[in-house]
Structures are given as structure tokens and as C-alpha cells.
Amino acid sequence: MASPFLLLVVLALAFAQALAYDPTPLQDFCVADLKSNIFINGYPCKNPKTVTVEDFSFSGLNIAGNTKNKFGSNVTLANVMTLPGLNTLGVSIARIDYAPYGVVPLHTHPRATEILTVIEGTLVAGFVTSSPNNTLFVKTVRPGDVIVFPIGLIHFQLNVGKGPAVAIVGFNSQNPGFIFIADAVFGSKPPIPVQVLEKSFQVGQDVIEELMAQFK
């Protein structure tokens, strides 16, 4: 029979693996080789002899993003694709700009929890828990305030001020992923069958087709 200590070690290792959303580093760094043709979970490492300090730096979070779009928001993301030194480190960062009354629409991050701090302006931010409760947690946040969106949960931000707003967000993944709910549901390729959407939303075919037309 295995000793209690050995069982605890096995359980601890299994739990650690369950919590590891990104590959665990086994060396000082593993700068992503974005040009590699090898497909793995994450990115293969560049030859350490070709790595430079530029692989660990990113410029641009001081520059306001263009919010002249239908949502009135812009995300400037520093993830592993734009900052290769993040590979295997399990973090990334972004700047979000909001026009007056701009919104980051309902979305999820399948691989990361998000933590947001407001730099400028006033936002209404919130997330919805999973079924069956579907509880909305929502708060008005101002400069210096922080709010967390748990991994995988649908969330949003809305600028409720008359001027622009800015937030900085962090993720516990080098590549958190973005799933915008409306885009995924009504703009998937190929499209989700209309009958499925009719039953899911309990509306008629004409409503579904009108919504789908917005995402073609």
C-alpha cells in the first residue's frame, strides 16, 4: 500500500498540472519561434543564441487605440504573438481604449482569468456566472479601481462617461483567447443551423436570419 506521503505528492503534482493553463517553463526562458512549422501546445523555442532583448519587450501601450468602430473600443494586446518572450510564462497584458459610451461586448477568455484596472474614465463592468444561476456581478469602476473576470465567464465593459476611458488588463495566459458571443453564435463559419438558434433563443426564423445578416 502506498504511503500517505507518496499519495499526497501524487495528488499535489496532479493538482498543479490541473492549474497549469500554459506550458510550465523548464528553463530560464523559451522565446517563441513564431516562424516554426512545428505544431505544439504553445510555441517551440528559438535557439537561445539568436534571442535578443527585443524578444522580451513591447512598445505601444502608451498609444491610444483607434476607437472609431461599431463598438467604440480598441484592444492593444501584448501577448505571445507580439511579445515572443512571454512563451511558457503564463502572462500577457493589454490596453483598452473606450470612446464615450463605447463597449467591449460580451465575450469570454477560454484560457485566462482577466484582471482590469481603470486608468481614466468611468466604466460599468461585469460578468455572469455559469448555469443554472446565471448571476450578474456588475460594478461601476473608476481610476484606481480593479475588477477581476474569472476564467471562461462571459463579461463586458461599458464606458458610461462623456469622455474617453482607458484600462489596463492582465491575463494569466500568454494567449488568453477571445470569444465574442454574438460573433460566435451568429457569425460562425459555417453557420449554426437556424433551427438550433430558434430553439436556443426561443424566437422565430426571421429574427435569427436578421441577426445572422449583421455578421456576414
Protein backbone atom coordinates (compact mmCIF):
# COMPACT_ATOMS: atom_id res chain seq x y z
CA MET A 1 0.00 0.00 0.00
CA ALA A 2 1.35 3.44 -0.93
CA SER A 3 2.39 5.66 1.95
CA PRO A 4 0.22 8.72 2.81
CA PHE A 5 3.18 10.96 1.94
CA LEU A 6 3.52 9.44 -1.54
CA LEU A 7 -0.22 9.84 -2.14
CA LEU A 8 -0.01 13.49 -1.10
CA VAL A 9 2.88 14.05 -3.52
CA VAL A 10 0.96 12.44 -6.39
CA LEU A 11 -2.16 14.49 -5.60
CA ALA A 12 -0.13 17.70 -5.36
CA LEU A 13 1.51 17.06 -8.72
CA ALA A 14 -1.84 16.26 -10.33
CA PHE A 15 -3.41 19.40 -8.85
CA ALA A 16 -0.51 21.54 -10.07
CA GLN A 17 -0.96 20.16 -13.58
CA ALA A 18 -4.69 20.87 -13.43
CA LEU A 19 -3.99 24.52 -12.59
CA ALA A 20 -1.35 24.98 -15.29
CA TYR A 21 -3.16 26.63 -18.21
CA ASP A 22 0.08 27.42 -20.04
CA PRO A 23 3.13 25.18 -20.52
CA THR A 24 5.39 25.23 -17.47
CA PRO A 25 8.90 26.62 -18.15
CA LEU A 26 11.72 24.11 -17.73
CA GLN A 27 14.50 26.65 -18.34
CA ASP A 28 15.15 30.37 -17.91
CA PHE A 29 13.11 31.24 -21.00
CA CYS A 30 11.65 29.79 -24.16
CA VAL A 31 11.22 32.66 -26.60
CA ALA A 32 8.54 31.71 -29.12
CA ASP A 33 9.72 30.80 -32.59
CA LEU A 34 6.76 32.23 -34.47
CA LYS A 35 8.12 31.05 -37.83
CA SER A 36 8.45 27.40 -36.88
CA ASN A 37 6.41 24.80 -38.79
CA ILE A 38 6.26 22.56 -35.71
CA PHE A 39 2.80 22.39 -34.11
CA ILE A 40 2.79 22.02 -30.33
CA ASN A 41 0.72 23.33 -27.40
CA GLY A 42 2.22 26.81 -27.38
CA TYR A 43 5.26 27.60 -29.48
CA PRO A 44 8.66 25.92 -29.84
CA CYS A 45 11.69 27.76 -28.54
CA LYS A 46 14.00 29.89 -30.62
CA ASN A 47 17.66 29.00 -30.50
CA PRO A 48 18.86 30.80 -27.34
CA LYS A 49 21.87 32.07 -29.30
CA THR A 50 19.54 34.10 -31.55
CA VAL A 51 17.48 35.62 -28.71
CA THR A 52 17.82 39.38 -28.11
CA VAL A 53 16.37 41.80 -25.59
CA GLU A 54 13.81 42.83 -28.21
CA ASP A 55 12.15 39.41 -27.75
CA PHE A 56 11.28 40.48 -24.20
CA SER A 57 9.96 43.97 -24.90
CA PHE A 58 6.90 45.58 -26.46
CA SER A 59 6.12 49.21 -27.24
CA GLY A 60 2.73 50.79 -27.75
CA LEU A 61 0.68 50.64 -24.56
CA ASN A 62 1.19 54.40 -24.22
CA ILE A 63 -0.57 54.99 -27.54
CA ALA A 64 -4.35 55.40 -27.65
CA GLY A 65 -6.06 52.82 -29.87
CA ASN A 66 -8.46 53.74 -32.66
CA THR A 67 -11.99 53.55 -31.26
CA LYS A 68 -13.75 54.61 -34.46
CA ASN A 69 -15.60 51.34 -34.94
CA LYS A 70 -19.08 49.97 -34.25
CA PHE A 71 -18.24 49.16 -30.64
CA GLY A 72 -16.29 52.32 -29.81
CA SER A 73 -13.41 50.38 -28.26
CA ASN A 74 -9.95 49.11 -29.12
CA VAL A 75 -7.72 46.47 -27.53
CA THR A 76 -3.93 46.75 -27.87
CA LEU A 77 -2.71 43.30 -26.86
CA ALA A 78 0.80 42.30 -25.85
CA ASN A 79 0.62 38.51 -25.94
CA VAL A 80 2.99 35.81 -27.15
CA MET A 81 2.38 36.74 -30.80
CA THR A 82 3.59 40.31 -30.27
CA LEU A 83 5.94 39.66 -27.34
CA PRO A 84 7.58 36.26 -28.01
CA GLY A 85 9.43 36.24 -24.68
CA LEU A 86 6.10 35.51 -22.96
CA ASN A 87 6.13 31.94 -24.28
CA THR A 88 5.63 29.48 -21.36
CA LEU A 89 5.49 32.32 -18.79
CA GLY A 90 1.70 32.34 -18.42
CA VAL A 91 1.07 36.09 -18.57
CA SER A 92 0.04 38.79 -21.04
CA ILE A 93 -1.18 42.38 -20.86
CA ALA A 94 -3.35 44.75 -22.86
CA ARG A 95 -4.53 48.33 -23.06
CA ILE A 96 -8.20 49.00 -23.75
CA ASP A 97 -9.42 52.34 -25.07
CA TYR A 98 -13.09 53.31 -24.98
CA ALA A 99 -14.81 56.12 -26.84
CA PRO A 100 -17.60 57.87 -24.92
CA TYR A 101 -20.27 55.19 -24.36
CA GLY A 102 -18.03 52.65 -26.09
CA VAL A 103 -18.32 48.99 -25.12
CA VAL A 104 -16.23 45.85 -25.09
CA PRO A 105 -19.12 43.50 -25.95
CA LEU A 106 -20.00 40.23 -24.26
CA HIS A 107 -17.07 37.84 -24.57
CA THR A 108 -15.04 35.17 -22.77
CA HIS A 109 -11.39 34.18 -22.49
CA PRO A 110 -11.23 30.38 -22.67
CA ARG A 111 -7.69 30.18 -21.31
CA ALA A 112 -7.35 33.00 -18.78
CA THR A 113 -8.68 35.00 -15.88
CA GLU A 114 -8.61 38.74 -16.57
CA ILE A 115 -7.79 41.49 -14.07
CA LEU A 116 -8.65 45.05 -15.10
CA THR A 117 -7.65 48.38 -13.60
CA VAL A 118 -9.11 51.69 -14.75
CA ILE A 119 -6.62 54.40 -15.68
CA GLU A 120 -9.02 57.03 -16.98
CA GLY A 121 -12.80 57.45 -17.13
CA THR A 122 -15.69 55.52 -15.60
CA LEU A 123 -16.71 52.02 -16.64
CA VAL A 124 -19.57 49.71 -15.82
CA ALA A 125 -18.02 46.24 -15.82
CA GLY A 126 -19.48 42.87 -15.01
CA PHE A 127 -19.60 39.13 -15.55
CA VAL A 128 -22.22 36.38 -15.47
CA THR A 129 -21.78 33.10 -13.62
CA SER A 130 -22.49 29.71 -15.16
CA SER A 131 -25.85 27.93 -15.23
CA PRO A 132 -28.16 27.34 -13.51
CA ASN A 133 -27.74 30.56 -11.50
CA ASN A 134 -26.60 32.93 -14.29
CA THR A 135 -25.90 35.60 -11.67
CA LEU A 136 -24.74 39.00 -12.88
CA PHE A 137 -21.96 40.67 -10.88
CA VAL A 138 -21.65 44.29 -12.02
CA LYS A 139 -19.87 47.34 -10.65
CA THR A 140 -19.04 50.90 -11.62
CA VAL A 141 -15.26 51.25 -11.60
CA ARG A 142 -13.19 54.44 -11.69
CA PRO A 143 -9.47 55.30 -11.90
CA GLY A 144 -7.52 53.12 -9.50
CA ASP A 145 -10.30 50.54 -9.14
CA VAL A 146 -9.68 46.89 -10.02
CA ILE A 147 -12.12 44.19 -11.09
CA VAL A 148 -11.50 40.52 -11.90
CA PHE A 149 -13.28 38.40 -14.52
CA PRO A 150 -12.90 34.67 -13.71
CA ILE A 151 -11.66 32.38 -16.46
CA GLY A 152 -14.25 31.37 -19.04
CA LEU A 153 -17.10 33.55 -17.76
CA ILE A 154 -18.96 35.97 -20.04
CA HIS A 155 -18.07 39.58 -19.24
CA PHE A 156 -18.18 43.13 -20.61
CA GLN A 157 -17.19 46.76 -20.02
CA LEU A 158 -19.14 49.90 -20.91
CA ASN A 159 -17.81 53.47 -20.79
CA VAL A 160 -20.55 55.45 -19.06
CA GLY A 161 -18.64 58.73 -19.11
CA LYS A 162 -18.91 61.60 -21.55
CA GLY A 163 -15.18 61.41 -22.30
CA PRO A 164 -12.78 58.62 -23.33
CA ALA A 165 -11.73 55.89 -20.92
CA VAL A 166 -8.61 53.76 -20.62
CA ALA A 167 -7.96 50.49 -18.78
CA ILE A 168 -5.01 48.14 -18.44
CA VAL A 169 -5.73 44.42 -18.18
CA GLY A 170 -3.63 41.42 -17.30
CA PHE A 171 -4.17 37.73 -18.11
CA ASN A 172 -2.72 34.58 -16.59
CA SER A 173 -2.02 33.16 -20.04
CA GLN A 174 0.40 34.00 -22.82
CA ASN A 175 -2.55 33.63 -25.22
CA PRO A 176 -5.88 34.09 -23.40
CA GLY A 177 -8.09 33.82 -26.49
CA PHE A 178 -11.19 35.89 -27.21
CA ILE A 179 -14.66 34.54 -27.95
CA PHE A 180 -17.14 37.32 -28.74
CA ILE A 181 -20.54 35.82 -28.03
CA ALA A 182 -22.57 37.43 -30.81
CA ASP A 183 -19.87 36.79 -33.41
CA ALA A 184 -19.53 33.15 -32.40
CA VAL A 185 -23.27 32.48 -32.29
CA PHE A 186 -24.49 34.44 -35.31
CA GLY A 187 -21.34 34.67 -37.40
CA SER A 188 -19.80 31.20 -37.21
CA LYS A 189 -18.42 29.66 -40.40
CA PRO A 190 -20.20 27.52 -41.46
CA PRO A 191 -23.28 28.94 -39.74
CA ILE A 192 -25.02 27.23 -36.86
CA PRO A 193 -28.31 25.75 -38.18
CA VAL A 194 -31.15 28.26 -37.91
CA GLN A 195 -33.34 25.65 -36.20
CA VAL A 196 -30.78 25.33 -33.39
CA LEU A 197 -30.72 29.08 -32.86
CA GLU A 198 -34.52 29.32 -32.98
CA LYS A 199 -34.82 26.76 -30.19
CA SER A 200 -31.92 28.21 -28.22
CA PHE A 201 -33.24 31.78 -28.20
CA GLN A 202 -36.96 30.95 -28.44
CA VAL A 203 -37.55 33.36 -31.33
CA GLY A 204 -38.69 32.96 -34.92
CA GLN A 205 -36.64 32.28 -38.04
CA ASP A 206 -37.00 35.87 -39.26
CA VAL A 207 -35.35 37.23 -36.11
CA ILE A 208 -32.47 34.76 -36.35
CA GLU A 209 -31.87 35.50 -40.03
CA GLU A 210 -31.88 39.24 -39.34
CA LEU A 211 -29.28 38.78 -36.59
CA MET A 212 -27.12 36.49 -38.73
CA ALA A 213 -27.18 39.08 -41.54
CA GLN A 214 -25.37 41.52 -39.24
CA PHE A 215 -22.33 39.23 -39.08
CA LYS A 216 -21.88 38.26 -42.74
